[in-house]
Amino acid sequence: MIVKEILSEELLTLSEVKETLDEIMEERSGLEEELGYELRKAISHADLFAKSSGKKSRELVNKFNELEKMKPEIAIRIADIMPQSRDELRTVYAKERYTLSEEELDEILNLVSDAIE
């Protein structure tokens, strides 16, 4: 596939991607088109790893973006992974030039646990 031009770019959570892929799948099944190999694999991956609804994950990302040491890319990654412990959360921040305090880690984990319930 050759990409001619990028019209826009937006960061999406895996849950939002899953919903978009489901819409594409329904549209193509309505037209009785066969799904390509890559599309089937993408749908399978999204079904397997998406942990919440698109709306919930976007709300979680918006809450994360209000925090001080949060980049949009990391907020998306945390919303996709939904870490349950400080160690899991530290791995997300492993490549960053700063570390989070225990209070900051706990605040993020509390937001994640609220989103899961």
PDB file of N, CA and C in Angstrom:
ATOM      1  N   MET A   1       0.841  -1.166   0.000  1.00  0.00           N
ATOM      2  CA  MET A   1       0.000   0.000   0.000  1.00  0.00           C
ATOM      3  C   MET A   1       0.893   1.238   0.000  1.00  0.00           C
ATOM      4  N   ILE A   2       0.660   2.139  -0.892  1.00  0.00           N
ATOM      5  CA  ILE A   2       1.427   3.368  -0.988  1.00  0.00           C
ATOM      6  C   ILE A   2       0.577   4.511  -0.447  1.00  0.00           C
ATOM      7  N   VAL A   3       1.133   5.214   0.521  1.00  0.00           N
ATOM      8  CA  VAL A   3       0.439   6.341   1.109  1.00  0.00           C
ATOM      9  C   VAL A   3       0.850   7.591   0.348  1.00  0.00           C
ATOM     10  N   LYS A   4      -0.105   8.280  -0.203  1.00  0.00           N
ATOM     11  CA  LYS A   4       0.189   9.468  -0.986  1.00  0.00           C
ATOM     12  C   LYS A   4       0.322  10.703  -0.116  1.00  0.00           C
ATOM     13  N   GLU A   5      -0.574  10.843   0.843  1.00  0.00           N
ATOM     14  CA  GLU A   5      -0.589  12.045   1.650  1.00  0.00           C
ATOM     15  C   GLU A   5      -1.313  11.763   2.961  1.00  0.00           C
ATOM     16  N   ILE A   6      -0.775  12.278   4.035  1.00  0.00           N
ATOM     17  CA  ILE A   6      -1.422  12.156   5.339  1.00  0.00           C
ATOM     18  C   ILE A   6      -2.301  13.388   5.526  1.00  0.00           C
ATOM     19  N   LEU A   7      -3.595  13.158   5.675  1.00  0.00           N
ATOM     20  CA  LEU A   7      -4.534  14.272   5.819  1.00  0.00           C
ATOM     21  C   LEU A   7      -4.619  14.761   7.255  1.00  0.00           C
ATOM     22  N   SER A   8      -4.605  13.842   8.197  1.00  0.00           N
ATOM     23  CA  SER A   8      -4.635  14.218   9.606  1.00  0.00           C
ATOM     24  C   SER A   8      -4.069  13.067  10.428  1.00  0.00           C
ATOM     25  N   GLU A   9      -3.719  13.378  11.643  1.00  0.00           N
ATOM     26  CA  GLU A   9      -3.147  12.378  12.530  1.00  0.00           C
ATOM     27  C   GLU A   9      -3.712  12.593  13.927  1.00  0.00           C
ATOM     28  N   GLU A  10      -4.122  11.501  14.556  1.00  0.00           N
ATOM     29  CA  GLU A  10      -4.715  11.583  15.886  1.00  0.00           C
ATOM     30  C   GLU A  10      -4.328  10.336  16.669  1.00  0.00           C
ATOM     31  N   LEU A  11      -3.987  10.500  17.929  1.00  0.00           N
ATOM     32  CA  LEU A  11      -3.678   9.367  18.788  1.00  0.00           C
ATOM     33  C   LEU A  11      -4.981   8.732  19.260  1.00  0.00           C
ATOM     34  N   LEU A  12      -5.087   7.426  19.099  1.00  0.00           N
ATOM     35  CA  LEU A  12      -6.281   6.698  19.519  1.00  0.00           C
ATOM     36  C   LEU A  12      -5.886   5.585  20.473  1.00  0.00           C
ATOM     37  N   THR A  13      -6.775   5.287  21.392  1.00  0.00           N
ATOM     38  CA  THR A  13      -6.565   4.130  22.255  1.00  0.00           C
ATOM     39  C   THR A  13      -6.950   2.878  21.482  1.00  0.00           C
ATOM     40  N   LEU A  14      -6.495   1.743  21.966  1.00  0.00           N
ATOM     41  CA  LEU A  14      -6.808   0.478  21.311  1.00  0.00           C
ATOM     42  C   LEU A  14      -8.315   0.217  21.306  1.00  0.00           C
ATOM     43  N   SER A  15      -9.000   0.638  22.346  1.00  0.00           N
ATOM     44  CA  SER A  15     -10.454   0.457  22.409  1.00  0.00           C
ATOM     45  C   SER A  15     -11.163   1.271  21.337  1.00  0.00           C
ATOM     46  N   GLU A  16     -10.666   2.489  21.090  1.00  0.00           N
ATOM     47  CA  GLU A  16     -11.250   3.313  20.032  1.00  0.00           C
ATOM     48  C   GLU A  16     -10.967   2.712  18.663  1.00  0.00           C
ATOM     49  N   VAL A  17      -9.775   2.156  18.496  1.00  0.00           N
ATOM     50  CA  VAL A  17      -9.427   1.496  17.235  1.00  0.00           C
ATOM     51  C   VAL A  17     -10.330   0.292  17.023  1.00  0.00           C
ATOM     52  N   LYS A  18     -10.591  -0.462  18.093  1.00  0.00           N
ATOM     53  CA  LYS A  18     -11.465  -1.635  18.000  1.00  0.00           C
ATOM     54  C   LYS A  18     -12.846  -1.232  17.505  1.00  0.00           C
ATOM     55  N   GLU A  19     -13.401  -0.153  18.068  1.00  0.00           N
ATOM     56  CA  GLU A  19     -14.728   0.301  17.641  1.00  0.00           C
ATOM     57  C   GLU A  19     -14.721   0.730  16.176  1.00  0.00           C
ATOM     58  N   THR A  20     -13.669   1.405  15.747  1.00  0.00           N
ATOM     59  CA  THR A  20     -13.560   1.826  14.349  1.00  0.00           C
ATOM     60  C   THR A  20     -13.458   0.615  13.423  1.00  0.00           C
ATOM     61  N   LEU A  21     -12.648  -0.357  13.815  1.00  0.00           N
ATOM     62  CA  LEU A  21     -12.508  -1.571  13.005  1.00  0.00           C
ATOM     63  C   LEU A  21     -13.809  -2.363  12.953  1.00  0.00           C
ATOM     64  N   ASP A  22     -14.547  -2.386  14.046  1.00  0.00           N
ATOM     65  CA  ASP A  22     -15.845  -3.066  14.048  1.00  0.00           C
ATOM     66  C   ASP A  22     -16.815  -2.404  13.074  1.00  0.00           C
ATOM     67  N   GLU A  23     -16.789  -1.074  13.027  1.00  0.00           N
ATOM     68  CA  GLU A  23     -17.635  -0.355  12.072  1.00  0.00           C
ATOM     69  C   GLU A  23     -17.253  -0.692  10.636  1.00  0.00           C
ATOM     70  N   ILE A  24     -15.964  -0.752  10.360  1.00  0.00           N
ATOM     71  CA  ILE A  24     -15.491  -1.103   9.014  1.00  0.00           C
ATOM     72  C   ILE A  24     -15.913  -2.518   8.660  1.00  0.00           C
ATOM     73  N   MET A  25     -15.791  -3.431   9.633  1.00  0.00           N
ATOM     74  CA  MET A  25     -16.166  -4.822   9.396  1.00  0.00           C
ATOM     75  C   MET A  25     -17.662  -4.928   9.088  1.00  0.00           C
ATOM     76  N   GLU A  26     -18.508  -4.232   9.839  1.00  0.00           N
ATOM     77  CA  GLU A  26     -19.953  -4.260   9.597  1.00  0.00           C
ATOM     78  C   GLU A  26     -20.292  -3.666   8.235  1.00  0.00           C
ATOM     79  N   GLU A  27     -19.625  -2.570   7.900  1.00  0.00           N
ATOM     80  CA  GLU A  27     -19.873  -1.930   6.606  1.00  0.00           C
ATOM     81  C   GLU A  27     -19.504  -2.865   5.450  1.00  0.00           C
ATOM     82  N   ARG A  28     -18.367  -3.523   5.570  1.00  0.00           N
ATOM     83  CA  ARG A  28     -17.929  -4.420   4.495  1.00  0.00           C
ATOM     84  C   ARG A  28     -18.766  -5.691   4.435  1.00  0.00           C
ATOM     85  N   SER A  29     -19.232  -6.175   5.583  1.00  0.00           N
ATOM     86  CA  SER A  29     -20.080  -7.368   5.555  1.00  0.00           C
ATOM     87  C   SER A  29     -21.436  -7.030   4.955  1.00  0.00           C
ATOM     88  N   GLY A  30     -21.892  -5.794   5.159  1.00  0.00           N
ATOM     89  CA  GLY A  30     -23.140  -5.352   4.545  1.00  0.00           C
ATOM     90  C   GLY A  30     -23.036  -5.277   3.034  1.00  0.00           C
ATOM     91  N   LEU A  31     -21.848  -4.935   2.551  1.00  0.00           N
ATOM     92  CA  LEU A  31     -21.607  -4.870   1.107  1.00  0.00           C
ATOM     93  C   LEU A  31     -21.126  -6.208   0.549  1.00  0.00           C
ATOM     94  N   GLU A  32     -21.048  -7.202   1.446  1.00  0.00           N
ATOM     95  CA  GLU A  32     -20.588  -8.548   1.100  1.00  0.00           C
ATOM     96  C   GLU A  32     -19.187  -8.543   0.505  1.00  0.00           C
ATOM     97  N   GLU A  33     -18.325  -7.674   1.038  1.00  0.00           N
ATOM     98  CA  GLU A  33     -16.925  -7.645   0.642  1.00  0.00           C
ATOM     99  C   GLU A  33     -16.130  -8.534   1.583  1.00  0.00           C
ATOM    100  N   GLU A  34     -15.111  -9.151   1.047  1.00  0.00           N
ATOM    101  CA  GLU A  34     -14.249  -9.995   1.865  1.00  0.00           C
ATOM    102  C   GLU A  34     -13.242  -9.121   2.603  1.00  0.00           C
ATOM    103  N   LEU A  35     -12.977  -9.459   3.868  1.00  0.00           N
ATOM    104  CA  LEU A  35     -11.999  -8.722   4.649  1.00  0.00           C
ATOM    105  C   LEU A  35     -10.607  -9.195   4.285  1.00  0.00           C
ATOM    106  N   GLY A  36      -9.687  -8.257   4.086  1.00  0.00           N
ATOM    107  CA  GLY A  36      -8.311  -8.608   3.777  1.00  0.00           C
ATOM    108  C   GLY A  36      -7.607  -9.215   4.969  1.00  0.00           C
ATOM    109  N   TYR A  37      -6.476  -9.859   4.706  1.00  0.00           N
ATOM    110  CA  TYR A  37      -5.711 -10.524   5.752  1.00  0.00           C
ATOM    111  C   TYR A  37      -5.305  -9.542   6.846  1.00  0.00           C
ATOM    112  N   GLU A  38      -4.753  -8.389   6.455  1.00  0.00           N
ATOM    113  CA  GLU A  38      -4.284  -7.408   7.432  1.00  0.00           C
ATOM    114  C   GLU A  38      -5.427  -6.884   8.291  1.00  0.00           C
ATOM    115  N   LEU A  39      -6.571  -6.647   7.678  1.00  0.00           N
ATOM    116  CA  LEU A  39      -7.729  -6.158   8.414  1.00  0.00           C
ATOM    117  C   LEU A  39      -8.230  -7.206   9.399  1.00  0.00           C
ATOM    118  N   ARG A  40      -8.276  -8.455   8.980  1.00  0.00           N
ATOM    119  CA  ARG A  40      -8.697  -9.524   9.895  1.00  0.00           C
ATOM    120  C   ARG A  40      -7.744  -9.641  11.076  1.00  0.00           C
ATOM    121  N   LYS A  41      -6.451  -9.537  10.820  1.00  0.00           N
ATOM    122  CA  LYS A  41      -5.460  -9.614  11.899  1.00  0.00           C
ATOM    123  C   LYS A  41      -5.579  -8.415  12.843  1.00  0.00           C
ATOM    124  N   ALA A  42      -5.806  -7.229  12.293  1.00  0.00           N
ATOM    125  CA  ALA A  42      -5.969  -6.026  13.122  1.00  0.00           C
ATOM    126  C   ALA A  42      -7.206  -6.147  14.004  1.00  0.00           C
ATOM    127  N   ILE A  43      -8.292  -6.638  13.449  1.00  0.00           N
ATOM    128  CA  ILE A  43      -9.530  -6.830  14.221  1.00  0.00           C
ATOM    129  C   ILE A  43      -9.314  -7.855  15.327  1.00  0.00           C
ATOM    130  N   SER A  44      -8.633  -8.943  14.998  1.00  0.00           N
ATOM    131  CA  SER A  44      -8.351  -9.977  15.986  1.00  0.00           C
ATOM    132  C   SER A  44      -7.497  -9.426  17.128  1.00  0.00           C
ATOM    133  N   HIS A  45      -6.478  -8.655  16.795  1.00  0.00           N
ATOM    134  CA  HIS A  45      -5.604  -8.072  17.812  1.00  0.00           C
ATOM    135  C   HIS A  45      -6.382  -7.106  18.698  1.00  0.00           C
ATOM    136  N   ALA A  46      -7.174  -6.246  18.102  1.00  0.00           N
ATOM    137  CA  ALA A  46      -7.953  -5.277  18.865  1.00  0.00           C
ATOM    138  C   ALA A  46      -8.960  -5.975  19.776  1.00  0.00           C
ATOM    139  N   ASP A  47      -9.614  -7.021  19.280  1.00  0.00           N
ATOM    140  CA  ASP A  47     -10.563  -7.777  20.101  1.00  0.00           C
ATOM    141  C   ASP A  47      -9.868  -8.430  21.292  1.00  0.00           C
ATOM    142  N   LEU A  48      -8.658  -8.917  21.064  1.00  0.00           N
ATOM    143  CA  LEU A  48      -7.934  -9.635  22.100  1.00  0.00           C
ATOM    144  C   LEU A  48      -7.423  -8.711  23.210  1.00  0.00           C
ATOM    145  N   PHE A  49      -6.950  -7.523  22.838  1.00  0.00           N
ATOM    146  CA  PHE A  49      -6.248  -6.681  23.806  1.00  0.00           C
ATOM    147  C   PHE A  49      -7.002  -5.449  24.287  1.00  0.00           C
ATOM    148  N   ALA A  50      -8.105  -5.075  23.675  1.00  0.00           N
ATOM    149  CA  ALA A  50      -8.867  -3.914  24.156  1.00  0.00           C
ATOM    150  C   ALA A  50      -9.512  -4.269  25.490  1.00  0.00           C
ATOM    151  N   LYS A  51      -9.316  -3.406  26.481  1.00  0.00           N
ATOM    152  CA  LYS A  51      -9.765  -3.730  27.833  1.00  0.00           C
ATOM    153  C   LYS A  51     -10.976  -2.938  28.305  1.00  0.00           C
ATOM    154  N   SER A  52     -11.425  -1.970  27.528  1.00  0.00           N
ATOM    155  CA  SER A  52     -12.595  -1.189  27.927  1.00  0.00           C
ATOM    156  C   SER A  52     -13.262  -0.636  26.674  1.00  0.00           C
ATOM    157  N   SER A  53     -14.291   0.149  26.875  1.00  0.00           N
ATOM    158  CA  SER A  53     -14.957   0.772  25.729  1.00  0.00           C
ATOM    159  C   SER A  53     -14.152   1.984  25.264  1.00  0.00           C
ATOM    160  N   GLY A  54     -14.405   2.409  24.060  1.00  0.00           N
ATOM    161  CA  GLY A  54     -13.712   3.564  23.523  1.00  0.00           C
ATOM    162  C   GLY A  54     -13.993   4.827  24.307  1.00  0.00           C
ATOM    163  N   LYS A  55     -15.244   4.977  24.739  1.00  0.00           N
ATOM    164  CA  LYS A  55     -15.639   6.167  25.493  1.00  0.00           C
ATOM    165  C   LYS A  55     -14.925   6.216  26.844  1.00  0.00           C
ATOM    166  N   LYS A  56     -14.894   5.075  27.539  1.00  0.00           N
ATOM    167  CA  LYS A  56     -14.230   5.023  28.843  1.00  0.00           C
ATOM    168  C   LYS A  56     -12.737   5.286  28.713  1.00  0.00           C
ATOM    169  N   SER A  57     -12.125   4.698  27.700  1.00  0.00           N
ATOM    170  CA  SER A  57     -10.687   4.874  27.546  1.00  0.00           C
ATOM    171  C   SER A  57     -10.355   6.325  27.185  1.00  0.00           C
ATOM    172  N   ARG A  58     -11.199   6.984  26.393  1.00  0.00           N
ATOM    173  CA  ARG A  58     -10.947   8.397  26.045  1.00  0.00           C
ATOM    174  C   ARG A  58     -11.109   9.279  27.275  1.00  0.00           C
ATOM    175  N   GLU A  59     -12.098   8.987  28.121  1.00  0.00           N
ATOM    176  CA  GLU A  59     -12.273   9.739  29.365  1.00  0.00           C
ATOM    177  C   GLU A  59     -11.052   9.581  30.268  1.00  0.00           C
ATOM    178  N   LEU A  60     -10.525   8.364  30.322  1.00  0.00           N
ATOM    179  CA  LEU A  60      -9.343   8.097  31.130  1.00  0.00           C
ATOM    180  C   LEU A  60      -8.141   8.872  30.591  1.00  0.00           C
ATOM    181  N   VAL A  61      -7.964   8.889  29.291  1.00  0.00           N
ATOM    182  CA  VAL A  61      -6.857   9.637  28.687  1.00  0.00           C
ATOM    183  C   VAL A  61      -6.996  11.126  28.990  1.00  0.00           C
ATOM    184  N   ASN A  62      -8.203  11.642  28.920  1.00  0.00           N
ATOM    185  CA  ASN A  62      -8.419  13.060  29.230  1.00  0.00           C
ATOM    186  C   ASN A  62      -8.070  13.372  30.686  1.00  0.00           C
ATOM    187  N   LYS A  63      -8.399  12.466  31.596  1.00  0.00           N
ATOM    188  CA  LYS A  63      -8.035  12.659  33.005  1.00  0.00           C
ATOM    189  C   LYS A  63      -6.517  12.614  33.175  1.00  0.00           C
ATOM    190  N   PHE A  64      -5.865  11.678  32.466  1.00  0.00           N
ATOM    191  CA  PHE A  64      -4.407  11.580  32.542  1.00  0.00           C
ATOM    192  C   PHE A  64      -3.742  12.853  32.025  1.00  0.00           C
ATOM    193  N   ASN A  65      -4.278  13.423  30.966  1.00  0.00           N
ATOM    194  CA  ASN A  65      -3.665  14.608  30.366  1.00  0.00           C
ATOM    195  C   ASN A  65      -3.713  15.826  31.288  1.00  0.00           C
ATOM    196  N   GLU A  66      -4.577  15.787  32.285  1.00  0.00           N
ATOM    197  CA  GLU A  66      -4.633  16.874  33.256  1.00  0.00           C
ATOM    198  C   GLU A  66      -3.509  16.785  34.282  1.00  0.00           C
ATOM    199  N   LEU A  67      -2.856  15.625  34.385  1.00  0.00           N
ATOM    200  CA  LEU A  67      -1.768  15.448  35.343  1.00  0.00           C
ATOM    201  C   LEU A  67      -0.510  16.156  34.861  1.00  0.00           C
ATOM    202  N   GLU A  68       0.376  16.463  35.802  1.00  0.00           N
ATOM    203  CA  GLU A  68       1.548  17.279  35.510  1.00  0.00           C
ATOM    204  C   GLU A  68       2.567  16.584  34.607  1.00  0.00           C
ATOM    205  N   LYS A  69       3.005  15.405  34.946  1.00  0.00           N
ATOM    206  CA  LYS A  69       4.064  14.721  34.199  1.00  0.00           C
ATOM    207  C   LYS A  69       3.494  13.689  33.222  1.00  0.00           C
ATOM    208  N   MET A  70       2.536  14.107  32.439  1.00  0.00           N
ATOM    209  CA  MET A  70       1.878  13.161  31.535  1.00  0.00           C
ATOM    210  C   MET A  70       1.940  13.679  30.108  1.00  0.00           C
ATOM    211  N   LYS A  71       2.503  12.857  29.237  1.00  0.00           N
ATOM    212  CA  LYS A  71       2.521  13.157  27.806  1.00  0.00           C
ATOM    213  C   LYS A  71       1.333  12.433  27.170  1.00  0.00           C
ATOM    214  N   PRO A  72       0.793  12.950  26.068  1.00  0.00           N
ATOM    215  CA  PRO A  72      -0.339  12.281  25.415  1.00  0.00           C
ATOM    216  C   PRO A  72      -0.034  10.835  25.003  1.00  0.00           C
ATOM    217  N   GLU A  73       1.188  10.579  24.544  1.00  0.00           N
ATOM    218  CA  GLU A  73       1.547   9.222  24.133  1.00  0.00           C
ATOM    219  C   GLU A  73       1.537   8.252  25.314  1.00  0.00           C
ATOM    220  N   ILE A  74       2.009   8.728  26.452  1.00  0.00           N
ATOM    221  CA  ILE A  74       2.030   7.878  27.650  1.00  0.00           C
ATOM    222  C   ILE A  74       0.614   7.673  28.170  1.00  0.00           C
ATOM    223  N   ALA A  75      -0.216   8.694  28.106  1.00  0.00           N
ATOM    224  CA  ALA A  75      -1.606   8.565  28.549  1.00  0.00           C
ATOM    225  C   ALA A  75      -2.324   7.493  27.731  1.00  0.00           C
ATOM    226  N   ILE A  76      -2.099   7.484  26.424  1.00  0.00           N
ATOM    227  CA  ILE A  76      -2.697   6.463  25.554  1.00  0.00           C
ATOM    228  C   ILE A  76      -2.177   5.080  25.930  1.00  0.00           C
ATOM    229  N   ARG A  77      -0.870   4.973  26.139  1.00  0.00           N
ATOM    230  CA  ARG A  77      -0.265   3.687  26.472  1.00  0.00           C
ATOM    231  C   ARG A  77      -0.813   3.144  27.791  1.00  0.00           C
ATOM    232  N   ILE A  78      -0.961   4.006  28.787  1.00  0.00           N
ATOM    233  CA  ILE A  78      -1.495   3.568  30.082  1.00  0.00           C
ATOM    234  C   ILE A  78      -2.954   3.138  29.937  1.00  0.00           C
ATOM    235  N   ALA A  79      -3.734   3.880  29.156  1.00  0.00           N
ATOM    236  CA  ALA A  79      -5.137   3.517  28.949  1.00  0.00           C
ATOM    237  C   ALA A  79      -5.263   2.191  28.210  1.00  0.00           C
ATOM    238  N   ASP A  80      -4.310   1.865  27.341  1.00  0.00           N
ATOM    239  CA  ASP A  80      -4.333   0.587  26.634  1.00  0.00           C
ATOM    240  C   ASP A  80      -3.935  -0.573  27.544  1.00  0.00           C
ATOM    241  N   ILE A  81      -2.910  -0.352  28.361  1.00  0.00           N
ATOM    242  CA  ILE A  81      -2.362  -1.428  29.192  1.00  0.00           C
ATOM    243  C   ILE A  81      -3.171  -1.633  30.465  1.00  0.00           C
ATOM    244  N   MET A  82      -3.685  -0.541  31.043  1.00  0.00           N
ATOM    245  CA  MET A  82      -4.405  -0.574  32.323  1.00  0.00           C
ATOM    246  C   MET A  82      -3.574  -1.267  33.412  1.00  0.00           C
ATOM    247  N   PRO A  83      -2.417  -0.691  33.751  1.00  0.00           N
ATOM    248  CA  PRO A  83      -1.552  -1.328  34.760  1.00  0.00           C
ATOM    249  C   PRO A  83      -2.239  -1.410  36.121  1.00  0.00           C
ATOM    250  N   GLN A  84      -1.921  -2.472  36.848  1.00  0.00           N
ATOM    251  CA  GLN A  84      -2.549  -2.701  38.149  1.00  0.00           C
ATOM    252  C   GLN A  84      -1.591  -2.515  39.315  1.00  0.00           C
ATOM    253  N   SER A  85      -0.296  -2.327  39.032  1.00  0.00           N
ATOM    254  CA  SER A  85       0.675  -2.164  40.109  1.00  0.00           C
ATOM    255  C   SER A  85       1.660  -1.047  39.769  1.00  0.00           C
ATOM    256  N   ARG A  86       2.393  -0.631  40.780  1.00  0.00           N
ATOM    257  CA  ARG A  86       3.398   0.411  40.567  1.00  0.00           C
ATOM    258  C   ARG A  86       4.491  -0.062  39.607  1.00  0.00           C
ATOM    259  N   ASP A  87       4.878  -1.327  39.729  1.00  0.00           N
ATOM    260  CA  ASP A  87       5.925  -1.851  38.856  1.00  0.00           C
ATOM    261  C   ASP A  87       5.500  -1.848  37.394  1.00  0.00           C
ATOM    262  N   GLU A  88       4.267  -2.231  37.120  1.00  0.00           N
ATOM    263  CA  GLU A  88       3.763  -2.200  35.748  1.00  0.00           C
ATOM    264  C   GLU A  88       3.752  -0.770  35.221  1.00  0.00           C
ATOM    265  N   LEU A  89       3.382   0.161  36.069  1.00  0.00           N
ATOM    266  CA  LEU A  89       3.328   1.563  35.671  1.00  0.00           C
ATOM    267  C   LEU A  89       4.733   2.125  35.452  1.00  0.00           C
ATOM    268  N   ARG A  90       5.680   1.708  36.276  1.00  0.00           N
ATOM    269  CA  ARG A  90       7.069   2.176  36.105  1.00  0.00           C
ATOM    270  C   ARG A  90       7.650   1.734  34.765  1.00  0.00           C
ATOM    271  N   THR A  91       7.248   0.574  34.275  1.00  0.00           N
ATOM    272  CA  THR A  91       7.765   0.115  32.982  1.00  0.00           C
ATOM    273  C   THR A  91       7.320   1.034  31.850  1.00  0.00           C
ATOM    274  N   VAL A  92       6.152   1.635  31.980  1.00  0.00           N
ATOM    275  CA  VAL A  92       5.678   2.580  30.965  1.00  0.00           C
ATOM    276  C   VAL A  92       6.570   3.816  30.951  1.00  0.00           C
ATOM    277  N   TYR A  93       7.033   4.223  32.113  1.00  0.00           N
ATOM    278  CA  TYR A  93       7.875   5.412  32.244  1.00  0.00           C
ATOM    279  C   TYR A  93       9.371   5.094  32.179  1.00  0.00           C
ATOM    280  N   ALA A  94       9.750   3.884  31.849  1.00  0.00           N
ATOM    281  CA  ALA A  94      11.154   3.471  31.893  1.00  0.00           C
ATOM    282  C   ALA A  94      12.048   4.301  30.975  1.00  0.00           C
ATOM    283  N   LYS A  95      11.570   4.725  29.835  1.00  0.00           N
ATOM    284  CA  LYS A  95      12.406   5.460  28.886  1.00  0.00           C
ATOM    285  C   LYS A  95      12.387   6.968  29.102  1.00  0.00           C
ATOM    286  N   GLU A  96      11.596   7.433  30.021  1.00  0.00           N
ATOM    287  CA  GLU A  96      11.498   8.868  30.269  1.00  0.00           C
ATOM    288  C   GLU A  96      12.696   9.341  31.099  1.00  0.00           C
ATOM    289  N   ARG A  97      12.980  10.617  31.014  1.00  0.00           N
ATOM    290  CA  ARG A  97      14.115  11.204  31.720  1.00  0.00           C
ATOM    291  C   ARG A  97      13.773  11.553  33.175  1.00  0.00           C
ATOM    292  N   TYR A  98      12.589  11.262  33.609  1.00  0.00           N
ATOM    293  CA  TYR A  98      12.187  11.578  34.966  1.00  0.00           C
ATOM    294  C   TYR A  98      11.482  10.366  35.559  1.00  0.00           C
ATOM    295  N   THR A  99      11.403  10.340  36.863  1.00  0.00           N
ATOM    296  CA  THR A  99      10.678   9.273  37.543  1.00  0.00           C
ATOM    297  C   THR A  99       9.525   9.901  38.320  1.00  0.00           C
ATOM    298  N   LEU A 100       8.548   9.098  38.584  1.00  0.00           N
ATOM    299  CA  LEU A 100       7.375   9.572  39.318  1.00  0.00           C
ATOM    300  C   LEU A 100       7.511   9.216  40.788  1.00  0.00           C
ATOM    301  N   SER A 101       6.964  10.078  41.631  1.00  0.00           N
ATOM    302  CA  SER A 101       6.938   9.786  43.062  1.00  0.00           C
ATOM    303  C   SER A 101       5.872   8.724  43.333  1.00  0.00           C
ATOM    304  N   GLU A 102       5.907   8.189  44.524  1.00  0.00           N
ATOM    305  CA  GLU A 102       4.924   7.173  44.923  1.00  0.00           C
ATOM    306  C   GLU A 102       3.502   7.738  44.860  1.00  0.00           C
ATOM    307  N   GLU A 103       3.354   9.000  45.261  1.00  0.00           N
ATOM    308  CA  GLU A 103       2.032   9.635  45.246  1.00  0.00           C
ATOM    309  C   GLU A 103       1.507   9.778  43.815  1.00  0.00           C
ATOM    310  N   GLU A 104       2.395  10.150  42.885  1.00  0.00           N
ATOM    311  CA  GLU A 104       1.988  10.291  41.489  1.00  0.00           C
ATOM    312  C   GLU A 104       1.604   8.944  40.890  1.00  0.00           C
ATOM    313  N   LEU A 105       2.379   7.920  41.226  1.00  0.00           N
ATOM    314  CA  LEU A 105       2.046   6.567  40.758  1.00  0.00           C
ATOM    315  C   LEU A 105       0.690   6.130  41.298  1.00  0.00           C
ATOM    316  N   ASP A 106       0.470   6.376  42.575  1.00  0.00           N
ATOM    317  CA  ASP A 106      -0.802   5.981  43.188  1.00  0.00           C
ATOM    318  C   ASP A 106      -1.981   6.737  42.583  1.00  0.00           C
ATOM    319  N   GLU A 107      -1.782   8.010  42.249  1.00  0.00           N
ATOM    320  CA  GLU A 107      -2.847   8.797  41.638  1.00  0.00           C
ATOM    321  C   GLU A 107      -3.245   8.207  40.279  1.00  0.00           C
ATOM    322  N   ILE A 108      -2.242   7.834  39.495  1.00  0.00           N
ATOM    323  CA  ILE A 108      -2.516   7.220  38.184  1.00  0.00           C
ATOM    324  C   ILE A 108      -3.209   5.876  38.364  1.00  0.00           C
ATOM    325  N   LEU A 109      -2.725   5.067  39.299  1.00  0.00           N
ATOM    326  CA  LEU A 109      -3.335   3.753  39.535  1.00  0.00           C
ATOM    327  C   LEU A 109      -4.773   3.890  40.036  1.00  0.00           C
ATOM    328  N   ASN A 110      -5.056   4.914  40.827  1.00  0.00           N
ATOM    329  CA  ASN A 110      -6.426   5.145  41.287  1.00  0.00           C
ATOM    330  C   ASN A 110      -7.342   5.496  40.121  1.00  0.00           C
ATOM    331  N   LEU A 111      -6.854   6.301  39.183  1.00  0.00           N
ATOM    332  CA  LEU A 111      -7.649   6.640  38.000  1.00  0.00           C
ATOM    333  C   LEU A 111      -7.923   5.383  37.165  1.00  0.00           C
ATOM    334  N   VAL A 112      -6.917   4.525  37.045  1.00  0.00           N
ATOM    335  CA  VAL A 112      -7.086   3.283  36.285  1.00  0.00           C
ATOM    336  C   VAL A 112      -8.104   2.383  36.968  1.00  0.00           C
ATOM    337  N   SER A 113      -7.988   2.223  38.293  1.00  0.00           N
ATOM    338  CA  SER A 113      -8.935   1.343  39.000  1.00  0.00           C
ATOM    339  C   SER A 113     -10.347   1.878  38.948  1.00  0.00           C
ATOM    340  N   ASP A 114     -10.511   3.212  38.980  1.00  0.00           N
ATOM    341  CA  ASP A 114     -11.856   3.798  38.836  1.00  0.00           C
ATOM    342  C   ASP A 114     -12.435   3.524  37.454  1.00  0.00           C
ATOM    343  N   ALA A 115     -11.592   3.530  36.436  1.00  0.00           N
ATOM    344  CA  ALA A 115     -12.063   3.293  35.071  1.00  0.00           C
ATOM    345  C   ALA A 115     -12.448   1.838  34.850  1.00  0.00           C
ATOM    346  N   ILE A 116     -11.792   0.938  35.557  1.00  0.00           N
ATOM    347  CA  ILE A 116     -12.094  -0.492  35.404  1.00  0.00           C
ATOM    348  C   ILE A 116     -13.432  -0.836  36.030  1.00  0.00           C
ATOM    349  N   GLU A 117     -13.781  -0.195  37.128  1.00  0.00           N
ATOM    350  CA  GLU A 117     -15.022  -0.526  37.838  1.00  0.00           C
ATOM    351  C   GLU A 117     -16.249  -0.066  37.110  1.00  0.00           C
TER     352      GLU A 117
END
